[in-house]
């Protein structure tokens, strides 16, 4: 199986001025920082994006900084005011040790080991980015960590919290209750239940949201299916089986221009490419054995794809849709989930089967360090990261 701690095989002219005006207007509407700048932006697609009409999006959702780039707020070191003074740390949930290892990225050393609940799966930044929630799947609770101090608070009872997301308007937390076969919409602060949505698939685990926030797509790893969920109605509006026998979909990520969805599949050894609006039959792009995690570079040009079964990371060029490189971890490994450093220079990934964490140079692919942690490290969070608000998982920021 993929993400559980169970037995399984290892395996040209006026454009800059217009863009600046959009940025200023958006910053005035959203009470978060727009510090930083000067970074090179991703190339814009020819013609208008189908998602430019931000005003028609999910009510209450902060407007996009750039309708051509969902990740425009994620430029290097562009930290929001509320996270700017947080110490830079890597928080690693160890599913087999029931702990979170805390790594100082400057020294590559574990500075603290925090006891948490049973089988912690992911460390998830809250929508307002002020709390890190440790998802203790089999302990049936969430442990809050204050990222300003690194201290854990009192656990909150939440049944089967395999993974955790937040709606773009900040109104709900969405618990991926994998074994319960439910999506549970909860208050994003107290975690009280607002609506329970049973689903007709097995193993709900990862998700991402459309540019307008009106829907999100969920992977179901144990039944090899995808769900399309209406955000406001909290209702499944479409469902499909992936066209591969034994498919086991994992991470989900949308392209910067909002046109294309990518779904990692650890049994199909690649990423499924999907038009989320049409929700038609996807196509498979082979990347490597045990394809698992998907992460976007700070310039919105590249997606890093972890191949857990072969100890590699594939690089996809968003502009061309083609693979352009593959990095191999020094001495091998089992790269799983993680994130990109605030400055964009380091990709951090957990080594699921090796009780270690990897730090990779995003310019060269060189393995900078392997750091020993607890047993079964999984959905680590790099924190803080740039962005205005969090959509959940190990850090999806917009």
Protein backbone atom coordinates (compact mmCIF):
# COMPACT_ATOMS: atom_id res chain seq x y z
CA UNK A 1 0.00 0.00 0.00
CA UNK A 2 1.04 3.51 -0.53
CA UNK A 3 0.76 5.83 2.41
CA UNK A 4 -0.03 3.54 5.30
CA UNK A 5 2.29 2.05 7.85
CA UNK A 6 1.48 -1.46 6.76
CA UNK A 7 3.22 -4.29 4.97
CA UNK A 8 3.71 -3.74 1.25
CA UNK A 9 6.41 -4.20 -1.41
CA UNK A 10 9.25 -1.69 -1.22
CA UNK A 11 9.86 -1.14 -3.86
CA UNK A 12 6.09 43.26 -24.58
CA UNK A 13 5.36 46.67 -23.80
CA UNK A 14 2.79 47.38 -21.20
CA UNK A 15 2.53 43.99 -19.60
CA UNK A 16 4.83 44.59 -16.58
CA UNK A 17 2.83 47.70 -15.62
CA UNK A 18 -0.46 45.82 -15.86
CA UNK A 19 0.85 42.95 -13.78
CA UNK A 20 2.12 45.33 -11.12
CA UNK A 21 -1.30 46.94 -10.98
CA UNK A 22 -2.92 43.54 -10.49
CA UNK A 23 -0.51 42.78 -7.67
CA UNK A 24 -1.17 46.05 -5.86
CA UNK A 25 -4.93 45.63 -6.20
CA UNK A 26 -4.82 42.07 -4.90
CA UNK A 27 -2.62 43.03 -1.95
CA UNK A 28 -5.08 45.75 -1.01
CA UNK A 29 -7.85 43.16 -0.90
CA UNK A 30 -5.99 40.56 1.09
CA UNK A 31 -4.53 41.33 4.49
CA UNK A 32 -1.31 39.44 3.95
CA UNK A 33 2.17 40.41 2.91
CA UNK A 34 3.40 40.87 -0.60
CA UNK A 35 6.99 41.37 0.47
CA UNK A 36 9.81 40.27 -1.74
CA UNK A 37 10.02 40.50 -5.48
CA UNK A 38 12.39 40.77 -8.35
CA UNK A 39 12.14 37.03 -9.03
CA UNK A 40 11.70 35.92 -12.58
CA UNK A 41 8.13 34.96 -13.36
CA UNK A 42 7.04 31.91 -15.27
CA UNK A 43 6.36 32.34 -18.99
CA UNK A 44 2.72 33.18 -19.67
CA UNK A 45 0.64 30.95 -21.91
CA UNK A 46 -0.53 32.26 -25.25
CA UNK A 47 -4.06 33.61 -25.03
CA UNK A 48 -6.21 34.19 -21.97
CA UNK A 49 -6.60 31.67 -19.19
CA UNK A 50 -10.06 30.13 -18.87
CA UNK A 51 -9.98 31.10 -15.20
CA UNK A 52 -9.43 34.87 -15.42
CA UNK A 53 -12.84 35.73 -14.00
CA UNK A 54 -11.72 35.53 -10.39
CA UNK A 55 -14.81 37.45 -9.21
CA UNK A 56 -16.92 34.45 -10.27
CA UNK A 57 -14.95 32.13 -8.02
CA UNK A 58 -15.78 30.70 -4.62
CA UNK A 59 -17.20 33.52 -2.46
CA UNK A 60 -14.74 34.63 0.20
CA UNK A 61 -11.69 33.22 -1.56
CA UNK A 62 -8.78 35.68 -1.83
CA UNK A 63 -8.36 36.80 -5.47
CA UNK A 64 -5.49 35.34 -7.46
CA UNK A 65 -2.45 37.59 -7.66
CA UNK A 66 -2.02 36.56 -11.30
CA UNK A 67 -4.79 34.72 -13.21
CA UNK A 68 -2.07 33.12 -15.36
CA UNK A 69 -0.18 31.67 -12.38
CA UNK A 70 -1.80 30.07 -9.36
CA UNK A 71 1.55 30.07 -7.55
CA UNK A 72 2.41 33.75 -8.07
CA UNK A 73 2.30 34.30 -4.30
CA UNK A 74 4.91 31.58 -3.74
CA UNK A 75 7.99 33.39 -5.04
CA UNK A 76 11.28 32.93 -3.14
CA UNK A 77 11.23 34.27 0.42
CA UNK A 78 7.93 36.14 -0.09
CA UNK A 79 6.74 35.35 3.42
CA UNK A 80 3.46 36.69 4.76
CA UNK A 81 3.71 38.95 7.84
CA UNK A 82 2.29 36.36 10.22
CA UNK A 83 5.01 33.80 9.41
CA UNK A 84 7.98 36.06 8.67
CA UNK A 85 9.55 35.63 12.09
CA UNK A 86 8.98 31.90 12.44
CA UNK A 87 12.21 29.90 12.69
CA UNK A 88 12.94 27.87 9.56
CA UNK A 89 12.43 24.19 10.36
CA UNK A 90 11.58 20.86 8.75
CA UNK A 91 8.84 18.97 10.63
CA UNK A 92 8.94 15.21 9.96
CA UNK A 93 6.12 12.89 11.12
CA UNK A 94 7.45 9.39 11.84
CA UNK A 95 4.57 6.95 11.39
CA UNK A 96 6.34 4.05 13.10
CA UNK A 97 7.78 6.03 16.00
CA UNK A 98 4.78 8.24 16.86
CA UNK A 99 7.02 11.29 16.88
CA UNK A 100 7.84 14.40 14.88
CA UNK A 101 11.51 15.06 14.18
CA UNK A 102 12.41 18.74 13.89
CA UNK A 103 15.34 19.57 11.60
CA UNK A 104 17.30 22.81 11.40
CA UNK A 105 17.83 23.24 7.62
CA UNK A 106 20.98 25.30 8.14
CA UNK A 107 22.82 22.58 10.03
CA UNK A 108 20.99 19.49 8.69
CA UNK A 109 20.62 18.37 12.30
CA UNK A 110 17.62 17.12 14.28
CA UNK A 111 17.13 19.67 17.04
CA UNK A 112 14.12 18.11 18.76
CA UNK A 113 11.91 15.03 18.75
CA UNK A 114 8.28 15.70 19.70
CA UNK A 115 6.08 12.82 20.96
CA UNK A 116 2.66 12.90 19.25
CA UNK A 117 -0.25 10.51 18.70
CA UNK A 118 -0.39 7.10 17.04
CA UNK A 119 0.77 6.87 13.41
CA UNK A 120 1.32 10.53 12.44
CA UNK A 121 0.98 10.78 8.66
CA UNK A 122 1.28 14.46 7.63
CA UNK A 123 2.21 17.81 9.14
CA UNK A 124 -0.27 20.33 7.70
CA UNK A 125 -0.14 24.16 7.83
CA UNK A 126 -3.51 25.71 8.74
CA UNK A 127 -5.33 28.03 6.32
CA UNK A 128 -4.18 31.11 8.29
CA UNK A 129 -0.68 29.56 8.48
CA UNK A 130 -0.47 30.06 12.25
CA UNK A 131 -0.69 26.40 13.26
CA UNK A 132 0.85 23.14 12.11
CA UNK A 133 -1.51 20.18 12.53
CA UNK A 134 0.03 16.73 12.97
CA UNK A 135 -2.38 14.13 11.56
CA UNK A 136 -2.30 11.19 13.99
CA UNK A 137 -4.19 8.74 11.81
CA UNK A 138 -4.63 5.75 14.12
CA UNK A 139 -4.57 7.89 17.26
CA UNK A 140 -7.67 9.65 15.95
CA UNK A 141 -6.50 13.12 16.87
CA UNK A 142 -4.60 16.15 15.63
CA UNK A 143 -1.64 17.57 17.52
CA UNK A 144 -1.24 21.34 17.05
CA UNK A 145 2.29 22.75 16.89
CA UNK A 146 2.98 26.46 17.30
CA UNK A 147 5.53 27.23 14.54
CA UNK A 148 6.70 30.35 16.38
CA UNK A 149 7.97 28.24 19.29
CA UNK A 150 7.99 24.69 17.94
CA UNK A 151 5.94 23.56 20.94
CA UNK A 152 3.09 21.05 20.73
CA UNK A 153 -0.31 21.81 22.23
CA UNK A 154 -3.19 19.71 23.47
CA UNK A 155 -4.41 17.15 20.88
CA UNK A 156 -7.85 17.64 19.33
CA UNK A 157 -10.04 14.57 18.82
CA UNK A 158 -10.64 13.93 15.09
CA UNK A 159 -11.49 10.47 13.80
CA UNK A 160 -9.28 8.92 11.10
CA UNK A 161 -7.32 12.05 10.09
CA UNK A 162 -5.15 10.58 7.38
CA UNK A 163 -4.71 13.94 5.61
CA UNK A 164 -6.04 17.47 5.97
CA UNK A 165 -6.98 20.27 3.56
CA UNK A 166 -8.65 23.69 3.80
CA UNK A 167 -11.17 25.23 1.43
CA UNK A 168 -9.80 28.32 -0.39
CA UNK A 169 -12.19 30.64 1.45
CA UNK A 170 -10.85 29.40 4.79
CA UNK A 171 -14.33 28.36 5.86
CA UNK A 172 -13.72 24.63 6.34
CA UNK A 173 -11.04 22.12 7.13
CA UNK A 174 -11.50 18.95 5.08
CA UNK A 175 -10.34 15.75 6.75
CA UNK A 176 -9.44 12.88 4.45
CA UNK A 177 -10.87 10.06 6.56
CA UNK A 178 -9.39 7.27 4.48
CA UNK A 179 -10.50 4.18 6.36
CA UNK A 180 -13.89 5.70 7.19
CA UNK A 181 -14.49 6.42 3.48
CA UNK A 182 -15.49 9.98 4.26
CA UNK A 183 -14.62 13.59 3.56
CA UNK A 184 -15.37 15.42 6.79
CA UNK A 185 -15.88 19.19 6.61
CA UNK A 186 -14.94 20.76 9.95
CA UNK A 187 -14.47 24.15 11.57
CA UNK A 188 -10.87 25.13 10.62
CA UNK A 189 -10.02 26.17 14.19
CA UNK A 190 -12.01 23.98 16.59
CA UNK A 191 -12.31 21.02 14.20
CA UNK A 192 -15.97 20.57 15.09
CA UNK A 193 -17.87 18.66 12.39
CA UNK A 194 -19.94 20.75 9.98
CA UNK A 195 -20.76 18.05 7.42
CA UNK A 196 -19.79 14.43 6.84
CA UNK A 197 -19.67 13.33 3.20
CA UNK A 198 -19.55 9.55 2.67
CA UNK A 199 -17.74 8.55 -0.55
CA UNK A 200 -18.06 5.50 -2.75
CA UNK A 201 -14.35 4.82 -3.13
CA UNK A 202 -11.56 3.44 -0.94
CA UNK A 203 -8.62 5.35 0.46
CA UNK A 204 -9.29 9.07 -0.02
CA UNK A 205 -5.92 10.68 0.53
CA UNK A 206 -4.72 13.69 -1.52
CA UNK A 207 -6.36 16.64 -3.27
CA UNK A 208 -5.97 20.05 -4.90
CA UNK A 209 -8.37 22.89 -5.74
CA UNK A 210 -9.41 24.50 -9.03
CA UNK A 211 -8.25 28.09 -9.74
CA UNK A 212 -11.68 29.50 -8.86
CA UNK A 213 -11.93 27.27 -5.79
CA UNK A 214 -15.29 25.90 -6.86
CA UNK A 215 -14.20 22.27 -6.95
CA UNK A 216 -11.41 20.00 -5.84
CA UNK A 217 -10.17 16.66 -7.10
CA UNK A 218 -9.43 13.82 -4.69
CA UNK A 219 -7.41 10.64 -5.23
CA UNK A 220 -8.67 7.30 -3.85
CA UNK A 221 -5.62 5.09 -3.60
CA UNK A 222 -7.11 1.73 -2.70
CA UNK A 223 -9.79 1.64 -5.42
CA UNK A 224 -7.78 3.49 -8.09
CA UNK A 225 -10.35 6.26 -8.53
CA UNK A 226 -10.69 10.04 -8.65
CA UNK A 227 -13.46 12.19 -7.20
CA UNK A 228 -14.55 15.67 -8.24
CA UNK A 229 -16.12 17.53 -5.33
CA UNK A 230 -18.18 20.73 -5.40
CA UNK A 231 -16.59 22.89 -2.68
CA UNK A 232 -19.60 25.03 -1.71
CA UNK A 233 -22.16 22.23 -1.93
CA UNK A 234 -19.78 19.74 -0.26
CA UNK A 235 -20.94 17.12 -2.73
CA UNK A 236 -19.28 14.62 -5.09
CA UNK A 237 -20.26 15.65 -8.61
CA UNK A 238 -18.17 13.19 -10.63
CA UNK A 239 -16.20 10.00 -10.13
CA UNK A 240 -14.04 7.90 -12.42
CA UNK A 241 -11.86 4.83 -12.40
CA UNK A 242 -8.30 5.25 -13.62
CA UNK A 243 -7.58 3.21 -16.79
CA UNK A 244 -4.86 1.03 -15.25
CA UNK A 245 -5.32 -2.28 -13.48
CA UNK A 246 -4.17 -1.90 -9.89
CA UNK A 247 -3.85 1.88 -10.08
CA UNK A 248 -2.93 3.52 -6.77
CA UNK A 249 -3.16 7.32 -7.12
CA UNK A 250 -1.35 9.52 -4.62
CA UNK A 251 -0.50 13.22 -4.68
CA UNK A 252 -2.57 15.68 -6.74
CA UNK A 253 -1.31 18.97 -8.16
CA UNK A 254 -2.69 21.54 -10.61
CA UNK A 255 -0.51 23.35 -13.18
CA UNK A 256 0.31 27.05 -12.69
CA UNK A 257 -2.01 28.11 -15.52
CA UNK A 258 -4.89 26.13 -13.99
CA UNK A 259 -5.49 24.07 -17.14
CA UNK A 260 -3.95 20.72 -16.26
CA UNK A 261 -4.08 18.39 -13.29
CA UNK A 262 -1.40 15.86 -12.40
CA UNK A 263 -2.03 12.79 -10.23
CA UNK A 264 0.90 10.64 -9.10
CA UNK A 265 0.33 6.88 -9.27
CA UNK A 266 2.75 4.60 -7.43
CA UNK A 267 1.59 1.43 -9.19
CA UNK A 268 1.31 2.88 -12.70
CA UNK A 269 4.78 4.42 -12.15
CA UNK A 270 3.89 7.82 -13.53
CA UNK A 271 1.56 10.80 -13.39
CA UNK A 272 -1.92 10.95 -14.83
CA UNK A 273 -2.62 14.09 -16.87
CA UNK A 274 -6.19 15.33 -16.61
CA UNK A 275 -8.42 18.19 -17.71
CA UNK A 276 -10.14 18.88 -14.40
CA UNK A 277 -13.00 20.94 -15.85
CA UNK A 278 -13.97 18.25 -18.36
CA UNK A 279 -12.96 15.44 -15.99
CA UNK A 280 -12.50 13.10 -18.95
CA UNK A 281 -10.20 10.12 -19.46
CA UNK A 282 -6.65 10.96 -18.26
CA UNK A 283 -3.38 10.04 -19.97
CA UNK A 284 -0.39 8.50 -18.22
CA UNK A 285 3.10 9.99 -18.34
CA UNK A 286 5.65 7.43 -17.05
CA UNK A 287 8.16 8.96 -14.63
CA UNK A 288 9.67 6.23 -12.49
CA UNK A 289 8.93 3.39 -10.12
CA UNK A 290 6.61 4.22 -7.26
CA UNK A 291 5.62 7.75 -8.33
CA UNK A 292 4.44 9.55 -5.24
CA UNK A 293 4.86 13.27 -4.42
CA UNK A 294 4.40 16.40 -6.60
CA UNK A 295 5.98 19.79 -5.84
CA UNK A 296 6.13 23.09 -7.75
CA UNK A 297 9.32 25.15 -8.08
CA UNK A 298 9.35 28.72 -6.77
CA UNK A 299 9.39 30.14 -10.32
CA UNK A 300 6.36 28.04 -11.34
CA UNK A 301 8.33 26.48 -14.20
CA UNK A 302 9.04 22.98 -12.93
CA UNK A 303 7.32 20.19 -11.06
CA UNK A 304 9.43 17.86 -8.93
CA UNK A 305 8.09 14.30 -8.95
CA UNK A 306 9.35 11.84 -6.33
CA UNK A 307 9.69 8.23 -7.45
CA UNK A 308 9.72 6.36 -4.17
CA UNK A 309 10.39 2.91 -5.61
CA UNK A 310 13.64 3.84 -7.36
CA UNK A 311 15.11 6.63 -5.26
CA UNK A 312 14.76 9.33 -7.88
CA UNK A 313 13.11 12.66 -8.64
CA UNK A 314 11.80 13.46 -12.15
CA UNK A 315 11.51 17.04 -13.39
CA UNK A 316 8.57 18.12 -15.55
CA UNK A 317 8.58 21.37 -17.55
CA UNK A 318 5.11 22.91 -17.16
CA UNK A 319 5.43 24.89 -20.42
CA UNK A 320 6.09 21.86 -22.62
CA UNK A 321 4.51 19.17 -20.45
CA UNK A 322 7.62 17.03 -20.92
CA UNK A 323 10.13 15.47 -18.57
CA UNK A 324 13.46 17.28 -18.74
CA UNK A 325 15.66 15.59 -16.14
CA UNK A 326 15.90 12.94 -13.45
CA UNK A 327 17.89 13.14 -10.23
CA UNK A 328 19.02 10.08 -8.30
CA UNK A 329 19.51 10.22 -4.56
CA UNK A 330 23.09 9.47 -3.55
CA UNK A 331 23.27 5.89 -2.34
CA UNK A 332 19.59 5.29 -3.11
CA UNK A 333 16.52 5.96 -1.04
CA UNK A 334 12.75 6.07 -0.90
CA UNK A 335 11.68 9.71 -1.53
CA UNK A 336 8.12 10.28 -0.47
CA UNK A 337 6.45 13.56 0.60
CA UNK A 338 7.95 16.96 1.39
CA UNK A 339 8.30 20.50 0.10
CA UNK A 340 10.54 23.22 -1.28
CA UNK A 341 12.54 25.61 0.90
CA UNK A 342 11.39 29.23 1.20
CA UNK A 343 14.23 30.40 -1.05
CA UNK A 344 13.52 27.65 -3.58
CA UNK A 345 17.05 26.25 -3.44
CA UNK A 346 16.39 22.96 -1.64
CA UNK A 347 13.84 20.20 -2.13
CA UNK A 348 13.15 18.31 1.10
CA UNK A 349 11.71 14.78 0.97
CA UNK A 350 11.12 12.07 3.53
CA UNK A 351 12.77 8.67 2.98
CA UNK A 352 9.83 6.45 3.87
CA UNK A 353 11.60 3.11 4.11
CA UNK A 354 15.01 4.36 5.21
CA UNK A 355 14.28 6.38 8.36
CA UNK A 356 15.88 9.43 6.80
CA UNK A 357 15.20 12.77 5.16
CA UNK A 358 16.78 14.01 1.93
CA UNK A 359 17.85 17.53 1.04
CA UNK A 360 18.38 18.02 -2.71
CA UNK A 361 19.86 21.05 -4.50
CA UNK A 362 17.16 22.26 -6.92
CA UNK A 363 19.75 23.70 -9.32
CA UNK A 364 21.91 20.61 -9.70
CA UNK A 365 19.92 17.73 -8.20
CA UNK A 366 22.84 16.95 -5.89
CA UNK A 367 22.03 15.21 -2.64
CA UNK A 368 23.08 17.76 -0.04
CA UNK A 369 22.34 15.66 3.01
CA UNK A 370 20.71 12.52 4.37
CA UNK A 371 19.43 13.01 7.91
CA UNK A 372 18.49 10.19 10.26
CA UNK A 373 14.99 10.48 11.77
CA UNK A 374 12.42 8.11 13.24
CA UNK A 375 10.75 5.10 11.67
CA UNK A 376 8.55 5.54 8.62
CA UNK A 377 8.95 9.28 7.94
CA UNK A 378 6.10 10.51 5.78
CA UNK A 379 4.43 13.88 5.03
CA UNK A 380 7.06 16.35 6.19
CA UNK A 381 6.40 20.08 6.17
CA UNK A 382 8.98 22.70 5.28
CA UNK A 383 8.06 25.77 7.30
CA UNK A 384 7.55 28.64 6.89
CA UNK A 385 6.95 28.87 3.16
CA UNK A 386 5.89 31.77 0.89
CA UNK A 387 2.22 32.34 0.18
CA UNK A 388 -0.88 34.09 1.53
CA UNK A 389 -2.86 31.09 2.77
CA UNK A 390 -2.60 27.31 2.96
CA UNK A 391 -4.81 24.76 1.24
CA UNK A 392 -3.33 22.02 3.40
CA UNK A 393 -1.37 18.81 2.88
CA UNK A 394 2.36 19.38 3.46
CA UNK A 395 1.98 22.91 2.13
CA UNK A 396 -0.07 24.03 -0.88
CA UNK A 397 0.11 27.82 -0.77
CA UNK A 398 -1.57 30.49 -2.89
